[in-house]
Amino acid sequence: MDPLAGLMGSRRNEDIALDLMKFIAVTTGCGKTGAPGAGFQGGSDSKAEDYADNLLELYTRCLNTVNGKK
């Protein structure tokens, strides 16, 4: 058993990947939209789906990286 694991606490790879995803999303501005404009803003459902898909793909990539996969 790793002696540092007891001191630092163990974290699941999924938790580490989630933190990594959050860090990347915030620092790169992933999903940022422009300032809301006046009037009708069509296509918001599609944009929300695209945003969710992008986050899921980013999470998958982060999890694969944490697990040592390419």
PDB file of N, CA and C in Angstrom:
ATOM      1  N   MET A   1       0.841  -1.180   0.000  1.00  0.00           N
ATOM      2  CA  MET A   1       0.000   0.000   0.000  1.00  0.00           C
ATOM      3  C   MET A   1       0.883   1.239   0.000  1.00  0.00           C
ATOM      4  N   ASP A   2       0.490   2.242  -0.717  1.00  0.00           N
ATOM      5  CA  ASP A   2       1.235   3.487  -0.823  1.00  0.00           C
ATOM      6  C   ASP A   2       1.146   4.264   0.493  1.00  0.00           C
ATOM      7  N   PRO A   3       2.274   4.609   1.101  1.00  0.00           N
ATOM      8  CA  PRO A   3       2.212   5.317   2.388  1.00  0.00           C
ATOM      9  C   PRO A   3       1.587   6.707   2.289  1.00  0.00           C
ATOM     10  N   LEU A   4       1.690   7.346   1.143  1.00  0.00           N
ATOM     11  CA  LEU A   4       1.092   8.672   0.970  1.00  0.00           C
ATOM     12  C   LEU A   4      -0.420   8.607   0.818  1.00  0.00           C
ATOM     13  N   ALA A   5      -0.929   7.478   0.398  1.00  0.00           N
ATOM     14  CA  ALA A   5      -2.375   7.356   0.200  1.00  0.00           C
ATOM     15  C   ALA A   5      -3.116   7.540   1.516  1.00  0.00           C
ATOM     16  N   GLY A   6      -2.554   7.054   2.609  1.00  0.00           N
ATOM     17  CA  GLY A   6      -3.190   7.215   3.906  1.00  0.00           C
ATOM     18  C   GLY A   6      -3.157   8.649   4.397  1.00  0.00           C
ATOM     19  N   LEU A   7      -2.090   9.369   4.057  1.00  0.00           N
ATOM     20  CA  LEU A   7      -1.971  10.763   4.481  1.00  0.00           C
ATOM     21  C   LEU A   7      -2.852  11.695   3.666  1.00  0.00           C
ATOM     22  N   MET A   8      -2.886  11.490   2.385  1.00  0.00           N
ATOM     23  CA  MET A   8      -3.601  12.390   1.492  1.00  0.00           C
ATOM     24  C   MET A   8      -5.037  11.942   1.259  1.00  0.00           C
ATOM     25  N   GLY A   9      -5.363  10.741   1.607  1.00  0.00           N
ATOM     26  CA  GLY A   9      -6.688  10.209   1.307  1.00  0.00           C
ATOM     27  C   GLY A   9      -6.704   9.682  -0.111  1.00  0.00           C
ATOM     28  N   SER A  10      -7.486   8.669  -0.320  1.00  0.00           N
ATOM     29  CA  SER A  10      -7.539   8.112  -1.663  1.00  0.00           C
ATOM     30  C   SER A  10      -8.706   8.726  -2.419  1.00  0.00           C
ATOM     31  N   ARG A  11      -8.484   8.940  -3.675  1.00  0.00           N
ATOM     32  CA  ARG A  11      -9.524   9.505  -4.531  1.00  0.00           C
ATOM     33  C   ARG A  11      -9.736   8.568  -5.701  1.00  0.00           C
ATOM     34  N   ARG A  12     -10.965   8.463  -6.099  1.00  0.00           N
ATOM     35  CA  ARG A  12     -11.269   7.622  -7.245  1.00  0.00           C
ATOM     36  C   ARG A  12     -10.827   8.330  -8.524  1.00  0.00           C
ATOM     37  N   ASN A  13     -10.495   7.554  -9.530  1.00  0.00           N
ATOM     38  CA  ASN A  13     -10.087   8.123 -10.809  1.00  0.00           C
ATOM     39  C   ASN A  13     -11.185   8.985 -11.411  1.00  0.00           C
ATOM     40  N   GLU A  14     -12.438   8.604 -11.164  1.00  0.00           N
ATOM     41  CA  GLU A  14     -13.555   9.387 -11.704  1.00  0.00           C
ATOM     42  C   GLU A  14     -13.592  10.788 -11.094  1.00  0.00           C
ATOM     43  N   ASP A  15     -13.272  10.879  -9.804  1.00  0.00           N
ATOM     44  CA  ASP A  15     -13.248  12.182  -9.135  1.00  0.00           C
ATOM     45  C   ASP A  15     -12.106  13.052  -9.655  1.00  0.00           C
ATOM     46  N   ILE A  16     -10.964  12.433  -9.862  1.00  0.00           N
ATOM     47  CA  ILE A  16      -9.811  13.155 -10.384  1.00  0.00           C
ATOM     48  C   ILE A  16     -10.107  13.638 -11.803  1.00  0.00           C
ATOM     49  N   ALA A  17     -10.703  12.780 -12.617  1.00  0.00           N
ATOM     50  CA  ALA A  17     -11.048  13.161 -13.989  1.00  0.00           C
ATOM     51  C   ALA A  17     -12.067  14.301 -14.006  1.00  0.00           C
ATOM     52  N   LEU A  18     -13.012  14.278 -13.080  1.00  0.00           N
ATOM     53  CA  LEU A  18     -14.007  15.344 -13.005  1.00  0.00           C
ATOM     54  C   LEU A  18     -13.343  16.674 -12.645  1.00  0.00           C
ATOM     55  N   ASP A  19     -12.442  16.655 -11.681  1.00  0.00           N
ATOM     56  CA  ASP A  19     -11.717  17.878 -11.319  1.00  0.00           C
ATOM     57  C   ASP A  19     -10.873  18.383 -12.486  1.00  0.00           C
ATOM     58  N   LEU A  20     -10.242  17.474 -13.188  1.00  0.00           N
ATOM     59  CA  LEU A  20      -9.442  17.847 -14.354  1.00  0.00           C
ATOM     60  C   LEU A  20     -10.321  18.463 -15.435  1.00  0.00           C
ATOM     61  N   MET A  21     -11.489  17.862 -15.674  1.00  0.00           N
ATOM     62  CA  MET A  21     -12.417  18.392 -16.669  1.00  0.00           C
ATOM     63  C   MET A  21     -12.855  19.805 -16.297  1.00  0.00           C
ATOM     64  N   LYS A  22     -13.194  20.009 -15.018  1.00  0.00           N
ATOM     65  CA  LYS A  22     -13.613  21.340 -14.553  1.00  0.00           C
ATOM     66  C   LYS A  22     -12.505  22.354 -14.763  1.00  0.00           C
ATOM     67  N   PHE A  23     -11.285  21.968 -14.411  1.00  0.00           N
ATOM     68  CA  PHE A  23     -10.149  22.870 -14.569  1.00  0.00           C
ATOM     69  C   PHE A  23      -9.959  23.261 -16.028  1.00  0.00           C
ATOM     70  N   ILE A  24      -9.988  22.286 -16.916  1.00  0.00           N
ATOM     71  CA  ILE A  24      -9.798  22.557 -18.343  1.00  0.00           C
ATOM     72  C   ILE A  24     -10.931  23.427 -18.879  1.00  0.00           C
ATOM     73  N   ALA A  25     -12.162  23.100 -18.497  1.00  0.00           N
ATOM     74  CA  ALA A  25     -13.317  23.861 -18.986  1.00  0.00           C
ATOM     75  C   ALA A  25     -13.242  25.317 -18.540  1.00  0.00           C
ATOM     76  N   VAL A  26     -12.837  25.558 -17.303  1.00  0.00           N
ATOM     77  CA  VAL A  26     -12.781  26.929 -16.791  1.00  0.00           C
ATOM     78  C   VAL A  26     -11.619  27.700 -17.408  1.00  0.00           C
ATOM     79  N   THR A  27     -10.455  27.082 -17.469  1.00  0.00           N
ATOM     80  CA  THR A  27      -9.279  27.805 -17.948  1.00  0.00           C
ATOM     81  C   THR A  27      -9.302  28.054 -19.448  1.00  0.00           C
ATOM     82  N   THR A  28      -9.979  27.196 -20.199  1.00  0.00           N
ATOM     83  CA  THR A  28     -10.033  27.392 -21.649  1.00  0.00           C
ATOM     84  C   THR A  28     -11.288  28.135 -22.088  1.00  0.00           C
ATOM     85  N   GLY A  29     -12.222  28.344 -21.170  1.00  0.00           N
ATOM     86  CA  GLY A  29     -13.460  29.025 -21.539  1.00  0.00           C
ATOM     87  C   GLY A  29     -14.401  28.117 -22.312  1.00  0.00           C
ATOM     88  N   CYS A  30     -14.237  26.830 -22.148  1.00  0.00           N
ATOM     89  CA  CYS A  30     -15.084  25.860 -22.843  1.00  0.00           C
ATOM     90  C   CYS A  30     -16.556  26.094 -22.493  1.00  0.00           C
ATOM     91  N   GLY A  31     -17.383  26.301 -23.482  1.00  0.00           N
ATOM     92  CA  GLY A  31     -18.804  26.473 -23.262  1.00  0.00           C
ATOM     93  C   GLY A  31     -19.235  27.896 -22.980  1.00  0.00           C
ATOM     94  N   LYS A  32     -18.273  28.819 -22.960  1.00  0.00           N
ATOM     95  CA  LYS A  32     -18.653  30.205 -22.740  1.00  0.00           C
ATOM     96  C   LYS A  32     -19.450  30.698 -23.930  1.00  0.00           C
ATOM     97  N   THR A  33     -20.479  31.437 -23.635  1.00  0.00           N
ATOM     98  CA  THR A  33     -21.271  32.018 -24.708  1.00  0.00           C
ATOM     99  C   THR A  33     -21.067  33.511 -24.686  1.00  0.00           C
ATOM    100  N   GLY A  34     -21.416  34.132 -25.773  1.00  0.00           N
ATOM    101  CA  GLY A  34     -21.320  35.580 -25.841  1.00  0.00           C
ATOM    102  C   GLY A  34     -22.351  36.228 -24.939  1.00  0.00           C
ATOM    103  N   ALA A  35     -22.259  37.522 -24.807  1.00  0.00           N
ATOM    104  CA  ALA A  35     -23.217  38.249 -23.978  1.00  0.00           C
ATOM    105  C   ALA A  35     -24.608  38.093 -24.572  1.00  0.00           C
ATOM    106  N   PRO A  36     -25.604  37.850 -23.720  1.00  0.00           N
ATOM    107  CA  PRO A  36     -26.951  37.669 -24.242  1.00  0.00           C
ATOM    108  C   PRO A  36     -27.436  38.948 -24.920  1.00  0.00           C
ATOM    109  N   GLY A  37     -28.108  38.755 -26.043  1.00  0.00           N
ATOM    110  CA  GLY A  37     -28.611  39.898 -26.787  1.00  0.00           C
ATOM    111  C   GLY A  37     -30.102  40.044 -26.594  1.00  0.00           C
ATOM    112  N   ALA A  38     -30.591  41.170 -27.029  1.00  0.00           N
ATOM    113  CA  ALA A  38     -32.030  41.412 -26.936  1.00  0.00           C
ATOM    114  C   ALA A  38     -32.752  40.648 -28.028  1.00  0.00           C
ATOM    115  N   GLY A  39     -33.970  40.272 -27.765  1.00  0.00           N
ATOM    116  CA  GLY A  39     -34.770  39.615 -28.786  1.00  0.00           C
ATOM    117  C   GLY A  39     -34.708  38.115 -28.704  1.00  0.00           C
ATOM    118  N   PHE A  40     -35.263  37.485 -29.708  1.00  0.00           N
ATOM    119  CA  PHE A  40     -35.368  36.026 -29.764  1.00  0.00           C
ATOM    120  C   PHE A  40     -34.008  35.418 -30.025  1.00  0.00           C
ATOM    121  N   GLN A  41     -33.645  34.436 -29.230  1.00  0.00           N
ATOM    122  CA  GLN A  41     -32.383  33.721 -29.389  1.00  0.00           C
ATOM    123  C   GLN A  41     -32.705  32.286 -29.773  1.00  0.00           C
ATOM    124  N   GLY A  42     -32.889  32.014 -31.027  1.00  0.00           N
ATOM    125  CA  GLY A  42     -33.276  30.679 -31.486  1.00  0.00           C
ATOM    126  C   GLY A  42     -32.146  29.679 -31.374  1.00  0.00           C
ATOM    127  N   GLY A  43     -32.493  28.408 -31.306  1.00  0.00           N
ATOM    128  CA  GLY A  43     -31.520  27.323 -31.323  1.00  0.00           C
ATOM    129  C   GLY A  43     -30.865  27.034 -29.989  1.00  0.00           C
ATOM    130  N   SER A  44     -31.432  27.447 -28.915  1.00  0.00           N
ATOM    131  CA  SER A  44     -30.793  27.237 -27.620  1.00  0.00           C
ATOM    132  C   SER A  44     -30.760  25.766 -27.222  1.00  0.00           C
ATOM    133  N   ASP A  45     -31.757  24.981 -27.616  1.00  0.00           N
ATOM    134  CA  ASP A  45     -31.766  23.556 -27.284  1.00  0.00           C
ATOM    135  C   ASP A  45     -30.591  22.851 -27.934  1.00  0.00           C
ATOM    136  N   SER A  46     -30.332  23.185 -29.195  1.00  0.00           N
ATOM    137  CA  SER A  46     -29.222  22.582 -29.905  1.00  0.00           C
ATOM    138  C   SER A  46     -27.902  22.971 -29.255  1.00  0.00           C
ATOM    139  N   LYS A  47     -27.769  24.213 -28.866  1.00  0.00           N
ATOM    140  CA  LYS A  47     -26.537  24.658 -28.226  1.00  0.00           C
ATOM    141  C   LYS A  47     -26.347  23.976 -26.882  1.00  0.00           C
ATOM    142  N   ALA A  48     -27.416  23.795 -26.141  1.00  0.00           N
ATOM    143  CA  ALA A  48     -27.317  23.116 -24.850  1.00  0.00           C
ATOM    144  C   ALA A  48     -26.890  21.668 -25.036  1.00  0.00           C
ATOM    145  N   GLU A  49     -27.422  21.008 -26.038  1.00  0.00           N
ATOM    146  CA  GLU A  49     -27.036  19.619 -26.322  1.00  0.00           C
ATOM    147  C   GLU A  49     -25.580  19.543 -26.751  1.00  0.00           C
ATOM    148  N   ASP A  50     -25.162  20.478 -27.603  1.00  0.00           N
ATOM    149  CA  ASP A  50     -23.769  20.500 -28.050  1.00  0.00           C
ATOM    150  C   ASP A  50     -22.829  20.723 -26.869  1.00  0.00           C
ATOM    151  N   TYR A  51     -23.215  21.624 -25.975  1.00  0.00           N
ATOM    152  CA  TYR A  51     -22.413  21.917 -24.793  1.00  0.00           C
ATOM    153  C   TYR A  51     -22.281  20.671 -23.918  1.00  0.00           C
ATOM    154  N   ALA A  52     -23.393  19.989 -23.693  1.00  0.00           N
ATOM    155  CA  ALA A  52     -23.380  18.768 -22.878  1.00  0.00           C
ATOM    156  C   ALA A  52     -22.532  17.691 -23.542  1.00  0.00           C
ATOM    157  N   ASP A  53     -22.671  17.536 -24.847  1.00  0.00           N
ATOM    158  CA  ASP A  53     -21.870  16.542 -25.567  1.00  0.00           C
ATOM    159  C   ASP A  53     -20.381  16.854 -25.459  1.00  0.00           C
ATOM    160  N   ASN A  54     -20.035  18.135 -25.581  1.00  0.00           N
ATOM    161  CA  ASN A  54     -18.629  18.528 -25.469  1.00  0.00           C
ATOM    162  C   ASN A  54     -18.077  18.236 -24.077  1.00  0.00           C
ATOM    163  N   LEU A  55     -18.868  18.517 -23.051  1.00  0.00           N
ATOM    164  CA  LEU A  55     -18.412  18.240 -21.683  1.00  0.00           C
ATOM    165  C   LEU A  55     -18.247  16.744 -21.438  1.00  0.00           C
ATOM    166  N   LEU A  56     -19.183  15.943 -21.951  1.00  0.00           N
ATOM    167  CA  LEU A  56     -19.071  14.494 -21.801  1.00  0.00           C
ATOM    168  C   LEU A  56     -17.840  13.949 -22.521  1.00  0.00           C
ATOM    169  N   GLU A  57     -17.570  14.476 -23.701  1.00  0.00           N
ATOM    170  CA  GLU A  57     -16.389  14.043 -24.448  1.00  0.00           C
ATOM    171  C   GLU A  57     -15.119  14.451 -23.703  1.00  0.00           C
ATOM    172  N   LEU A  58     -15.106  15.658 -23.163  1.00  0.00           N
ATOM    173  CA  LEU A  58     -13.947  16.116 -22.395  1.00  0.00           C
ATOM    174  C   LEU A  58     -13.750  15.258 -21.149  1.00  0.00           C
ATOM    175  N   TYR A  59     -14.840  14.924 -20.453  1.00  0.00           N
ATOM    176  CA  TYR A  59     -14.739  14.066 -19.273  1.00  0.00           C
ATOM    177  C   TYR A  59     -14.175  12.694 -19.649  1.00  0.00           C
ATOM    178  N   THR A  60     -14.640  12.128 -20.737  1.00  0.00           N
ATOM    179  CA  THR A  60     -14.158  10.820 -21.193  1.00  0.00           C
ATOM    180  C   THR A  60     -12.663  10.878 -21.480  1.00  0.00           C
ATOM    181  N   ARG A  61     -12.238  11.943 -22.135  1.00  0.00           N
ATOM    182  CA  ARG A  61     -10.814  12.090 -22.437  1.00  0.00           C
ATOM    183  C   ARG A  61     -10.001  12.225 -21.152  1.00  0.00           C
ATOM    184  N   CYS A  62     -10.513  12.987 -20.191  1.00  0.00           N
ATOM    185  CA  CYS A  62      -9.819  13.152 -18.914  1.00  0.00           C
ATOM    186  C   CYS A  62      -9.739  11.824 -18.160  1.00  0.00           C
ATOM    187  N   LEU A  63     -10.829  11.079 -18.148  1.00  0.00           N
ATOM    188  CA  LEU A  63     -10.840   9.791 -17.461  1.00  0.00           C
ATOM    189  C   LEU A  63      -9.864   8.824 -18.097  1.00  0.00           C
ATOM    190  N   ASN A  64      -9.812   8.795 -19.420  1.00  0.00           N
ATOM    191  CA  ASN A  64      -8.869   7.930 -20.106  1.00  0.00           C
ATOM    192  C   ASN A  64      -7.432   8.327 -19.778  1.00  0.00           C
ATOM    193  N   THR A  65      -7.173   9.615 -19.679  1.00  0.00           N
ATOM    194  CA  THR A  65      -5.830  10.099 -19.334  1.00  0.00           C
ATOM    195  C   THR A  65      -5.466   9.673 -17.915  1.00  0.00           C
ATOM    196  N   VAL A  66      -6.380   9.854 -16.981  1.00  0.00           N
ATOM    197  CA  VAL A  66      -6.120   9.483 -15.589  1.00  0.00           C
ATOM    198  C   VAL A  66      -5.884   7.974 -15.477  1.00  0.00           C
ATOM    199  N   ASN A  67      -6.617   7.193 -16.255  1.00  0.00           N
ATOM    200  CA  ASN A  67      -6.483   5.737 -16.223  1.00  0.00           C
ATOM    201  C   ASN A  67      -5.263   5.250 -17.014  1.00  0.00           C
ATOM    202  N   GLY A  68      -4.549   6.163 -17.673  1.00  0.00           N
ATOM    203  CA  GLY A  68      -3.354   5.791 -18.418  1.00  0.00           C
ATOM    204  C   GLY A  68      -3.631   5.263 -19.805  1.00  0.00           C
ATOM    205  N   LYS A  69      -4.831   5.506 -20.303  1.00  0.00           N
ATOM    206  CA  LYS A  69      -5.190   5.082 -21.655  1.00  0.00           C
ATOM    207  C   LYS A  69      -4.985   6.254 -22.602  1.00  0.00           C
ATOM    208  N   LYS A  70      -4.841   5.944 -23.853  1.00  0.00           N
ATOM    209  CA  LYS A  70      -4.653   7.003 -24.844  1.00  0.00           C
ATOM    210  C   LYS A  70      -5.928   7.479 -25.410  1.00  0.00           C
TER     211      LYS A  70
END
